[in-house]
C-alpha atoms as a PDB file:
ATOM      1  CA  MET A   1    -107.224 111.552 -65.522  1.00  0.00           C
ATOM      2  CA  ASN A   2    -109.451 114.619 -65.733  1.00  0.00           C
ATOM      3  CA  THR A   3    -112.638 114.076 -63.642  1.00  0.00           C
ATOM      4  CA  SER A   4    -113.790 117.540 -63.313  1.00  0.00           C
ATOM      5  CA  PRO A   5    -117.678 117.699 -63.967  1.00  0.00           C
ATOM      6  CA  ALA A   6    -119.082 120.125 -66.628  1.00  0.00           C
ATOM      7  CA  PRO A   7    -121.219 123.035 -65.396  1.00  0.00           C
ATOM      8  CA  SER A   8    -124.933 122.899 -65.741  1.00  0.00           C
ATOM      9  CA  PRO A   9    -126.224 126.168 -67.137  1.00  0.00           C
ATOM     10  CA  PRO A  10    -130.300 126.576 -67.339  1.00  0.00           C
ATOM     11  CA  PHE A  11    -132.023 124.037 -69.492  1.00  0.00           C
ATOM     12  CA  PRO A  12    -133.405 125.318 -72.928  1.00  0.00           C
ATOM     13  CA  PRO A  13    -136.890 126.468 -72.766  1.00  0.00           C
ATOM     14  CA  ALA A  14    -138.097 123.692 -75.225  1.00  0.00           C
ATOM     15  CA  SER A  15    -141.170 121.666 -74.024  1.00  0.00           C
ATOM     16  CA  PRO A  16    -141.462 118.764 -73.667  1.00  0.00           C
ATOM     17  CA  TYR A  17    -137.835 117.980 -73.423  1.00  0.00           C
ATOM     18  CA  ARG A  18    -136.453 114.989 -75.255  1.00  0.00           C
ATOM     19  CA  GLY A  19    -133.051 113.757 -74.669  1.00  0.00           C
ATOM     20  CA  ARG A  20    -131.007 110.945 -76.117  1.00  0.00           C
ATOM     21  CA  LEU A  21    -128.178 108.406 -75.612  1.00  0.00           C
ATOM     22  CA  ALA A  22    -126.774 107.249 -78.883  1.00  0.00           C
ATOM     23  CA  PRO A  23    -124.016 104.704 -78.499  1.00  0.00           C
ATOM     24  CA  SER A  24    -122.519 102.919 -81.451  1.00  0.00           C
ATOM     25  CA  PRO A  25    -121.919  99.017 -80.978  1.00  0.00           C
ATOM     26  CA  THR A  26    -118.370  99.171 -82.216  1.00  0.00           C
ATOM     27  CA  GLY A  27    -116.804  98.171 -78.975  1.00  0.00           C
ATOM     28  CA  LEU A  28    -117.360  98.232 -75.216  1.00  0.00           C
ATOM     29  CA  LEU A  29    -118.587 101.354 -73.610  1.00  0.00           C
ATOM     30  CA  HIS A  30    -116.082 103.103 -71.331  1.00  0.00           C
ATOM     31  CA  LEU A  31    -116.092 105.578 -68.492  1.00  0.00           C
ATOM     32  CA  GLY A  32    -115.913 108.612 -70.814  1.00  0.00           C
ATOM     33  CA  HIS A  33    -118.997 107.341 -72.454  1.00  0.00           C
ATOM     34  CA  ALA A  34    -120.780 106.963 -69.129  1.00  0.00           C
ATOM     35  CA  ARG A  35    -119.962 110.385 -67.894  1.00  0.00           C
ATOM     36  CA  THR A  36    -121.138 112.224 -71.035  1.00  0.00           C
ATOM     37  CA  PHE A  37    -124.440 109.804 -70.996  1.00  0.00           C
ATOM     38  CA  TRP A  38    -124.915 110.489 -67.331  1.00  0.00           C
ATOM     39  CA  THR A  39    -125.082 114.169 -67.961  1.00  0.00           C
ATOM     40  CA  ALA A  40    -127.602 113.617 -70.635  1.00  0.00           C
ATOM     41  CA  GLN A  41    -129.642 111.569 -68.174  1.00  0.00           C
ATOM     42  CA  GLU A  42    -129.415 114.110 -65.458  1.00  0.00           C
ATOM     43  CA  ARG A  43    -130.342 117.059 -67.658  1.00  0.00           C
ATOM     44  CA  CYS A  44    -133.373 115.163 -69.027  1.00  0.00           C
ATOM     45  CA  ARG A  45    -134.444 114.132 -65.407  1.00  0.00           C
ATOM     46  CA  ALA A  46    -133.962 117.714 -64.270  1.00  0.00           C
ATOM     47  CA  ALA A  47    -136.207 118.964 -67.184  1.00  0.00           C
ATOM     48  CA  GLY A  48    -138.918 116.256 -66.524  1.00  0.00           C
ATOM     49  CA  GLY A  49    -138.291 114.898 -69.798  1.00  0.00           C
ATOM     50  CA  THR A  50    -138.205 111.853 -71.878  1.00  0.00           C
ATOM     51  CA  LEU A  51    -134.900 109.988 -72.584  1.00  0.00           C
ATOM     52  CA  VAL A  52    -134.475 108.042 -75.747  1.00  0.00           C
ATOM     53  CA  LEU A  53    -131.820 105.217 -76.392  1.00  0.00           C
ATOM     54  CA  ARG A  54    -130.822 105.069 -80.106  1.00  0.00           C
ATOM     55  CA  ASN A  55    -128.433 102.077 -81.318  1.00  0.00           C
ATOM     56  CA  GLU A  56    -126.085 103.751 -83.892  1.00  0.00           C
ATOM     57  CA  ASP A  57    -125.258 100.487 -85.697  1.00  0.00           C
ATOM     58  CA  LEU A  58    -124.866 101.809 -89.225  1.00  0.00           C
ATOM     59  CA  ASP A  59    -120.892 100.841 -89.447  1.00  0.00           C
ATOM     60  CA  SER A  60    -121.244  97.485 -90.625  1.00  0.00           C
ATOM     61  CA  THR A  61    -117.450  97.032 -90.894  1.00  0.00           C
ATOM     62  CA  ARG A  62    -117.095  97.472 -87.017  1.00  0.00           C
ATOM     63  CA  TYR A  63    -120.556  96.773 -85.632  1.00  0.00           C
ATOM     64  CA  LYS A  64    -121.065  93.453 -83.889  1.00  0.00           C
ATOM     65  CA  MET A  65    -124.371  92.153 -82.469  1.00  0.00           C
ATOM     66  CA  GLU A  66    -122.559  91.213 -79.095  1.00  0.00           C
ATOM     67  CA  PHE A  67    -121.676  94.766 -78.591  1.00  0.00           C
ATOM     68  CA  VAL A  68    -125.445  95.812 -78.526  1.00  0.00           C
ATOM     69  CA  ASP A  69    -126.305  93.311 -76.050  1.00  0.00           C
ATOM     70  CA  ALA A  70    -123.353  94.399 -73.936  1.00  0.00           C
ATOM     71  CA  MET A  71    -124.164  98.091 -74.417  1.00  0.00           C
ATOM     72  CA  ILE A  72    -127.746  97.632 -72.970  1.00  0.00           C
ATOM     73  CA  GLU A  73    -126.487  95.532 -70.271  1.00  0.00           C
ATOM     74  CA  ASP A  74    -123.805  97.973 -69.182  1.00  0.00           C
ATOM     75  CA  LEU A  75    -125.969 100.978 -69.453  1.00  0.00           C
ATOM     76  CA  ARG A  76    -128.665  99.231 -67.198  1.00  0.00           C
ATOM     77  CA  TRP A  77    -125.989  98.137 -64.805  1.00  0.00           C
ATOM     78  CA  PHE A  78    -124.516 101.760 -64.369  1.00  0.00           C
ATOM     79  CA  GLY A  79    -128.037 102.981 -63.507  1.00  0.00           C
ATOM     80  CA  PHE A  80    -129.328 104.506 -66.941  1.00  0.00           C
ATOM     81  CA  GLU A  81    -132.958 104.440 -67.379  1.00  0.00           C
ATOM     82  CA  TRP A  82    -134.607 105.324 -70.729  1.00  0.00           C
ATOM     83  CA  GLN A  83    -138.240 105.466 -71.859  1.00  0.00           C
ATOM     84  CA  GLU A  84    -137.788 104.575 -75.521  1.00  0.00           C
ATOM     85  CA  GLY A  85    -135.352 102.323 -77.128  1.00  0.00           C
ATOM     86  CA  PRO A  86    -134.463  99.175 -79.222  1.00  0.00           C
ATOM     87  CA  ASP A  87    -135.418  97.094 -76.183  1.00  0.00           C
ATOM     88  CA  CYS A  88    -138.611  98.643 -74.918  1.00  0.00           C
ATOM     89  CA  GLY A  89    -140.023 100.321 -78.064  1.00  0.00           C
ATOM     90  CA  GLY A  90    -141.829 103.812 -78.229  1.00  0.00           C
ATOM     91  CA  GLY A  91    -143.610 106.165 -80.446  1.00  0.00           C
ATOM     92  CA  PHE A  92    -140.508 107.210 -82.659  1.00  0.00           C
ATOM     93  CA  GLY A  93    -139.003 103.799 -83.497  1.00  0.00           C
ATOM     94  CA  PRO A  94    -137.326 102.071 -84.834  1.00  0.00           C
ATOM     95  CA  TYR A  95    -134.609 102.756 -82.602  1.00  0.00           C
ATOM     96  CA  SER A  96    -131.777 101.049 -84.383  1.00  0.00           C
ATOM     97  CA  GLN A  97    -130.381 103.015 -87.335  1.00  0.00           C
ATOM     98  CA  SER A  98    -129.971 100.000 -89.431  1.00  0.00           C
ATOM     99  CA  GLU A  99    -133.729  99.732 -89.522  1.00  0.00           C
ATOM    100  CA  ARG A 100    -134.372 103.588 -90.417  1.00  0.00           C
ATOM    101  CA  MET A 101    -133.086 103.514 -94.034  1.00  0.00           C
ATOM    102  CA  ARG A 102    -136.128 104.886 -95.405  1.00  0.00           C
ATOM    103  CA  PHE A 103    -135.814 108.034 -93.376  1.00  0.00           C
ATOM    104  CA  TYR A 104    -132.360 108.612 -94.566  1.00  0.00           C
ATOM    105  CA  LEU A 105    -133.155 107.899 -98.242  1.00  0.00           C
ATOM    106  CA  ASP A 106    -136.002 110.389 -97.971  1.00  0.00           C
ATOM    107  CA  ALA A 107    -133.610 112.984 -96.630  1.00  0.00           C
ATOM    108  CA  LEU A 108    -131.121 112.300 -99.352  1.00  0.00           C
ATOM    109  CA  GLU A 109    -133.674 112.845-102.088  1.00  0.00           C
ATOM    110  CA  LYS A 110    -134.800 116.153-100.666  1.00  0.00           C
ATOM    111  CA  LEU A 111    -131.087 117.294-100.623  1.00  0.00           C
ATOM    112  CA  ARG A 112    -130.604 116.103-103.977  1.00  0.00           C
ATOM    113  CA  ALA A 113    -133.626 117.692-105.425  1.00  0.00           C
ATOM    114  CA  GLY A 114    -132.739 121.050-103.673  1.00  0.00           C
ATOM    115  CA  GLY A 115    -129.298 121.000-105.110  1.00  0.00           C
ATOM    116  CA  PHE A 116    -127.346 120.842-102.036  1.00  0.00           C
ATOM    117  CA  ILE A 117    -125.460 117.623-102.739  1.00  0.00           C
ATOM    118  CA  TYR A 118    -123.235 116.303-105.483  1.00  0.00           C
ATOM    119  CA  PRO A 119    -121.775 112.876-106.357  1.00  0.00           C
ATOM    120  CA  CYS A 120    -118.092 112.633-105.405  1.00  0.00           C
ATOM    121  CA  THR A 121    -115.833 109.877-106.769  1.00  0.00           C
ATOM    122  CA  CYS A 122    -112.729 110.685-104.932  1.00  0.00           C
ATOM    123  CA  SER A 123    -111.343 108.087-102.682  1.00  0.00           C
ATOM    124  CA  ARG A 124    -110.004 108.661 -99.102  1.00  0.00           C
ATOM    125  CA  LYS A 125    -106.499 108.530-100.387  1.00  0.00           C
ATOM    126  CA  ASP A 126    -107.136 111.095-103.073  1.00  0.00           C
ATOM    127  CA  ILE A 127    -108.735 113.462-100.552  1.00  0.00           C
ATOM    128  CA  GLN A 128    -105.712 113.033 -98.289  1.00  0.00           C
ATOM    129  CA  ALA A 129    -103.348 113.790-101.035  1.00  0.00           C
ATOM    130  CA  ALA A 130    -105.233 116.948-102.385  1.00  0.00           C
ATOM    131  CA  SER A 131    -106.560 118.281 -99.144  1.00  0.00           C
ATOM    132  CA  ARG A 132    -105.928 121.878 -98.416  1.00  0.00           C
ATOM    133  CA  ALA A 133    -105.511 121.140 -94.652  1.00  0.00           C
ATOM    134  CA  PRO A 134    -105.822 118.411 -92.179  1.00  0.00           C
ATOM    135  CA  HIS A 135    -108.050 118.830 -89.201  1.00  0.00           C
ATOM    136  CA  ALA A 136    -107.257 118.899 -85.541  1.00  0.00           C
ATOM    137  CA  ASN A 137    -107.145 115.432 -83.806  1.00  0.00           C
ATOM    138  CA  ASP A 138    -110.789 115.752 -82.696  1.00  0.00           C
ATOM    139  CA  ASP A 139    -112.137 115.894 -86.235  1.00  0.00           C
ATOM    140  CA  ALA A 140    -110.793 113.446 -88.439  1.00  0.00           C
ATOM    141  CA  GLU A 141    -112.398 114.832 -91.675  1.00  0.00           C
ATOM    142  CA  PRO A 142    -109.936 116.994 -93.771  1.00  0.00           C
ATOM    143  CA  ILE A 143    -110.998 119.973 -95.822  1.00  0.00           C
ATOM    144  CA  TYR A 144    -112.239 118.707 -99.100  1.00  0.00           C
ATOM    145  CA  PRO A 145    -110.249 120.098-102.018  1.00  0.00           C
ATOM    146  CA  GLY A 146    -113.461 120.639-104.205  1.00  0.00           C
ATOM    147  CA  THR A 147    -112.344 118.043-106.966  1.00  0.00           C
ATOM    148  CA  CYS A 148    -115.897 117.039-107.775  1.00  0.00           C
ATOM    149  CA  ARG A 149    -117.740 120.396-107.060  1.00  0.00           C
ATOM    150  CA  ASP A 150    -118.708 120.765-110.710  1.00  0.00           C
ATOM    151  CA  LYS A 151    -120.725 117.713-110.823  1.00  0.00           C
ATOM    152  CA  SER A 152    -124.569 118.334-110.186  1.00  0.00           C
ATOM    153  CA  PRO A 153    -127.138 116.103-108.430  1.00  0.00           C
ATOM    154  CA  SER A 154    -128.493 115.174-111.962  1.00  0.00           C
ATOM    155  CA  THR A 155    -125.056 114.094-113.379  1.00  0.00           C
ATOM    156  CA  PRO A 156    -125.643 110.874-115.283  1.00  0.00           C
ATOM    157  CA  ASN A 157    -124.342 107.611-113.840  1.00  0.00           C
ATOM    158  CA  SER A 158    -122.418 106.959-116.997  1.00  0.00           C
ATOM    159  CA  GLN A 159    -120.025 109.955-116.301  1.00  0.00           C
ATOM    160  CA  LEU A 160    -119.342 108.624-112.784  1.00  0.00           C
ATOM    161  CA  SER A 161    -117.282 105.640-111.554  1.00  0.00           C
ATOM    162  CA  THR A 162    -119.355 102.620-110.387  1.00  0.00           C
ATOM    163  CA  ARG A 163    -118.685 103.907-106.771  1.00  0.00           C
ATOM    164  CA  PHE A 164    -119.449 107.267-105.608  1.00  0.00           C
ATOM    165  CA  ALA A 165    -120.503 109.289-102.518  1.00  0.00           C
ATOM    166  CA  TRP A 166    -122.753 112.075-102.076  1.00  0.00           C
ATOM    167  CA  ARG A 167    -121.232 115.326-100.653  1.00  0.00           C
ATOM    168  CA  PHE A 168    -122.904 118.360 -99.208  1.00  0.00           C
ATOM    169  CA  ARG A 169    -121.847 121.699-100.672  1.00  0.00           C
ATOM    170  CA  VAL A 170    -121.087 123.946 -97.869  1.00  0.00           C
ATOM    171  CA  PRO A 171    -121.495 127.757 -98.316  1.00  0.00           C
ATOM    172  CA  ASP A 172    -117.962 128.936 -98.464  1.00  0.00           C
ATOM    173  CA  GLY A 173    -117.301 131.839 -96.248  1.00  0.00           C
ATOM    174  CA  GLU A 174    -120.417 131.609 -94.288  1.00  0.00           C
ATOM    175  CA  THR A 175    -119.902 131.739 -90.555  1.00  0.00           C
ATOM    176  CA  ILE A 176    -122.046 129.007 -88.679  1.00  0.00           C
ATOM    177  CA  ALA A 177    -122.533 130.205 -85.086  1.00  0.00           C
ATOM    178  CA  PHE A 178    -124.394 128.557 -82.270  1.00  0.00           C
ATOM    179  CA  VAL A 179    -124.415 129.061 -78.571  1.00  0.00           C
ATOM    180  CA  ASP A 180    -123.426 125.640 -76.785  1.00  0.00           C
ATOM    181  CA  GLY A 181    -125.058 124.864 -73.376  1.00  0.00           C
ATOM    182  CA  ASN A 182    -121.708 124.079 -71.950  1.00  0.00           C
ATOM    183  CA  CYS A 183    -118.986 125.339 -74.294  1.00  0.00           C
ATOM    184  CA  GLY A 184    -120.604 128.858 -74.992  1.00  0.00           C
ATOM    185  CA  ALA A 185    -120.640 130.867 -78.262  1.00  0.00           C
ATOM    186  CA  GLN A 186    -119.183 128.918 -81.079  1.00  0.00           C
ATOM    187  CA  ARG A 187    -118.179 130.097 -84.545  1.00  0.00           C
ATOM    188  CA  PHE A 188    -117.006 127.906 -87.520  1.00  0.00           C
ATOM    189  CA  ILE A 189    -116.389 129.297 -91.223  1.00  0.00           C
ATOM    190  CA  ALA A 190    -117.521 126.929 -94.000  1.00  0.00           C
ATOM    191  CA  GLY A 191    -114.858 126.193 -96.333  1.00  0.00           C
ATOM    192  CA  LYS A 192    -112.089 127.168 -93.946  1.00  0.00           C
ATOM    193  CA  ASP A 193    -112.857 125.318 -90.654  1.00  0.00           C
ATOM    194  CA  PHE A 194    -114.692 122.274 -92.504  1.00  0.00           C
ATOM    195  CA  GLY A 195    -115.351 121.544 -96.070  1.00  0.00           C
ATOM    196  CA  ASP A 196    -117.908 119.771 -98.186  1.00  0.00           C
ATOM    197  CA  PHE A 197    -118.719 116.636 -96.238  1.00  0.00           C
ATOM    198  CA  VAL A 198    -119.989 113.182 -97.159  1.00  0.00           C
ATOM    199  CA  VAL A 199    -123.729 112.497 -96.429  1.00  0.00           C
ATOM    200  CA  TRP A 200    -123.928 109.163 -98.128  1.00  0.00           C
ATOM    201  CA  ARG A 201    -120.920 106.834 -98.486  1.00  0.00           C
ATOM    202  CA  GLN A 202    -119.552 104.930-101.493  1.00  0.00           C
ATOM    203  CA  ASP A 203    -120.650 101.758 -99.737  1.00  0.00           C
ATOM    204  CA  ASP A 204    -124.329 103.036 -99.993  1.00  0.00           C
ATOM    205  CA  VAL A 205    -124.754 103.629 -96.394  1.00  0.00           C
ATOM    206  CA  PRO A 206    -125.720 107.126 -94.871  1.00  0.00           C
ATOM    207  CA  ALA A 207    -122.899 109.033 -93.157  1.00  0.00           C
ATOM    208  CA  TYR A 208    -122.902 110.015 -89.640  1.00  0.00           C
ATOM    209  CA  GLN A 209    -123.741 113.581 -90.188  1.00  0.00           C
ATOM    210  CA  LEU A 210    -126.883 112.950 -92.156  1.00  0.00           C
ATOM    211  CA  ALA A 211    -128.148 109.857 -89.984  1.00  0.00           C
ATOM    212  CA  CYS A 212    -127.546 111.908 -86.778  1.00  0.00           C
ATOM    213  CA  ALA A 213    -129.294 114.861 -88.080  1.00  0.00           C
ATOM    214  CA  VAL A 214    -132.300 112.845 -89.627  1.00  0.00           C
ATOM    215  CA  ASP A 215    -132.857 110.890 -86.402  1.00  0.00           C
ATOM    216  CA  ASP A 216    -132.685 113.866 -83.989  1.00  0.00           C
ATOM    217  CA  ALA A 217    -135.218 115.628 -86.115  1.00  0.00           C
ATOM    218  CA  ALA A 218    -137.557 112.682 -86.581  1.00  0.00           C
ATOM    219  CA  MET A 219    -137.265 111.514 -82.980  1.00  0.00           C
ATOM    220  CA  GLY A 220    -138.193 115.005 -81.801  1.00  0.00           C
ATOM    221  CA  ILE A 221    -134.771 115.535 -79.810  1.00  0.00           C
ATOM    222  CA  THR A 222    -134.832 118.926 -78.140  1.00  0.00           C
ATOM    223  CA  GLU A 223    -131.270 118.918 -76.724  1.00  0.00           C
ATOM    224  CA  VAL A 224    -128.361 116.931 -77.805  1.00  0.00           C
ATOM    225  CA  VAL A 225    -125.790 116.185 -75.111  1.00  0.00           C
ATOM    226  CA  ARG A 226    -122.467 114.713 -76.365  1.00  0.00           C
ATOM    227  CA  GLY A 227    -118.695 115.134 -76.330  1.00  0.00           C
ATOM    228  CA  ALA A 228    -116.743 118.276 -77.059  1.00  0.00           C
ATOM    229  CA  ASP A 229    -115.054 116.488 -79.777  1.00  0.00           C
ATOM    230  CA  LEU A 230    -118.273 116.697 -81.988  1.00  0.00           C
ATOM    231  CA  LEU A 231    -118.603 120.577 -81.810  1.00  0.00           C
ATOM    232  CA  LEU A 232    -117.545 120.978 -85.551  1.00  0.00           C
ATOM    233  CA  SER A 233    -119.994 118.081 -86.425  1.00  0.00           C
ATOM    234  CA  THR A 234    -122.699 120.386 -84.942  1.00  0.00           C
ATOM    235  CA  ALA A 235    -121.815 123.042 -87.509  1.00  0.00           C
ATOM    236  CA  ARG A 236    -122.161 120.438 -90.329  1.00  0.00           C
ATOM    237  CA  GLN A 237    -125.566 119.183 -88.830  1.00  0.00           C
ATOM    238  CA  LEU A 238    -126.993 122.611 -88.454  1.00  0.00           C
ATOM    239  CA  LEU A 239    -126.408 123.227 -92.100  1.00  0.00           C
ATOM    240  CA  LEU A 240    -128.253 119.890 -92.826  1.00  0.00           C
ATOM    241  CA  HIS A 241    -131.096 120.991 -90.732  1.00  0.00           C
ATOM    242  CA  ARG A 242    -131.472 124.267 -92.596  1.00  0.00           C
ATOM    243  CA  ALA A 243    -131.368 122.642 -95.992  1.00  0.00           C
ATOM    244  CA  LEU A 244    -134.032 120.176 -94.961  1.00  0.00           C
ATOM    245  CA  GLY A 245    -136.061 122.952 -93.319  1.00  0.00           C
ATOM    246  CA  TRP A 246    -135.849 121.477 -89.923  1.00  0.00           C
ATOM    247  CA  MET A 247    -135.595 123.234 -86.522  1.00  0.00           C
ATOM    248  CA  PRO A 248    -132.510 121.862 -84.962  1.00  0.00           C
ATOM    249  CA  PRO A 249    -132.164 120.846 -81.353  1.00  0.00           C
ATOM    250  CA  VAL A 250    -129.992 122.871 -78.849  1.00  0.00           C
ATOM    251  CA  PHE A 251    -126.696 121.444 -77.981  1.00  0.00           C
ATOM    252  CA  PHE A 252    -124.614 120.874 -74.831  1.00  0.00           C
ATOM    253  CA  HIS A 253    -121.058 119.306 -75.430  1.00  0.00           C
ATOM    254  CA  CYS A 254    -119.289 117.929 -72.463  1.00  0.00           C
ATOM    255  CA  GLU A 255    -115.555 117.918 -71.762  1.00  0.00           C
ATOM    256  CA  LEU A 256    -113.783 114.711 -72.569  1.00  0.00           C
ATOM    257  CA  LEU A 257    -112.632 112.251 -70.107  1.00  0.00           C
ATOM    258  CA  ARG A 258    -108.817 111.640 -70.382  1.00  0.00           C
ATOM    259  CA  ASP A 259    -106.435 109.132 -69.201  1.00  0.00           C
ATOM    260  CA  GLU A 260    -103.407 109.739 -67.106  1.00  0.00           C
ATOM    261  CA  ASN A 261    -101.478 110.909 -70.083  1.00  0.00           C
ATOM    262  CA  GLY A 262    -104.094 113.334 -71.186  1.00  0.00           C
ATOM    263  CA  VAL A 263    -105.213 111.284 -74.066  1.00  0.00           C
ATOM    264  CA  ARG A 264    -109.100 111.268 -74.351  1.00  0.00           C
ATOM    265  CA  LEU A 265    -110.580 107.809 -73.595  1.00  0.00           C
ATOM    266  CA  ALA A 266    -111.478 105.541 -76.609  1.00  0.00           C
ATOM    267  CA  LYS A 267    -112.857 102.055 -76.762  1.00  0.00           C
ATOM    268  CA  ARG A 268    -109.135 100.758 -77.050  1.00  0.00           C
ATOM    269  CA  HIS A 269    -108.995 101.816 -73.394  1.00  0.00           C
ATOM    270  CA  ASP A 270    -110.260  98.068 -72.335  1.00  0.00           C
ATOM    271  CA  ALA A 271    -109.290  98.683 -68.728  1.00  0.00           C
ATOM    272  CA  LEU A 272    -111.665 101.448 -68.327  1.00  0.00           C
ATOM    273  CA  SER A 273    -114.644  99.782 -70.144  1.00  0.00           C
ATOM    274  CA  LEU A 274    -117.815  99.472 -68.045  1.00  0.00           C
ATOM    275  CA  ARG A 275    -117.553  95.782 -68.190  1.00  0.00           C
ATOM    276  CA  ALA A 276    -113.948  95.433 -67.079  1.00  0.00           C
ATOM    277  CA  LEU A 277    -114.802  98.054 -64.174  1.00  0.00           C
ATOM    278  CA  ARG A 278    -117.565  96.008 -63.160  1.00  0.00           C
ATOM    279  CA  GLY A 279    -115.648  92.765 -63.317  1.00  0.00           C
ATOM    280  CA  ALA A 280    -112.969  94.356 -61.189  1.00  0.00           C
ATOM    281  CA  GLY A 281    -115.607  94.956 -58.403  1.00  0.00           C
ATOM    282  CA  ARG A 282    -116.190  98.557 -58.998  1.00  0.00           C
ATOM    283  CA  THR A 283    -119.644  99.974 -58.352  1.00  0.00           C
ATOM    284  CA  PRO A 284    -121.586 102.671 -60.346  1.00  0.00           C
ATOM    285  CA  GLU A 285    -121.805 104.786 -57.176  1.00  0.00           C
ATOM    286  CA  GLU A 286    -118.065 104.715 -56.665  1.00  0.00           C
ATOM    287  CA  LEU A 287    -117.322 105.687 -60.170  1.00  0.00           C
ATOM    288  CA  ARG A 288    -119.875 108.454 -60.184  1.00  0.00           C
ATOM    289  CA  ALA A 289    -118.571 109.825 -57.129  1.00  0.00           C
ATOM    290  CA  ALA A 290    -115.165 110.646 -58.646  1.00  0.00           C
ATOM    291  CA  TRP A 291    -116.955 113.022 -61.044  1.00  0.00           C
ATOM    292  CA  ARG A 292    -117.843 115.183 -58.195  1.00  0.00           C
END
């Protein structure tokens, strides 16, 4: 298992610092979550900032209430302390995404009015069959082939199927560049490294990219600490921040924790869930010591 800690460059100058933990209740949290979240907490503490717990519970097909309760309990057991969240409130709530729909609808309307999105009737199967190129394992979204790009935000519903998604039109050929606090300079070419992406799903739920960008902006998050598998998502979200006229946070992407076979940890690694480790008599201090 790769346990080498990520280096910690100087903190961004933004003040006051606001960081966040943003787990999704679709399974038990594992040791990889804990290490990334611990980095977020340590950076927030060092900056004298406020740490926010956000419950990303939009995926109704996988979300279970029992995982929300387990998430909070396991985080507390491990030693996490947040100042705002679904269990303690705060000035930027609600802190569960399922209760924040008005924020997402407002952002969607701004994107529609600005001509940044278009309705897409393609199914996942259609996209997989026509996609120009699949993405690497760390990013499951293939390059969209542009099938519905000629549809405008004002296309009448009568010309659409009963179910459609809203897709963001990326500026083909533009380089989206940012300096990550851990991984350094990053450059992604829109239309080549990633294509038009969904911001509102066919089941009438905001997609991850939109919900994440909206909440980070609305909650005043100044630095996003998360896994390196989301570097490409950052390029997408920077485009959303720009389209919506928002100042984006800075980013710090942590190396992923992997098992003995080099496979990154996922919620299917039940033996390495915080709940299983706790049941086996392991202590948070012992587990954290292995990262040093």
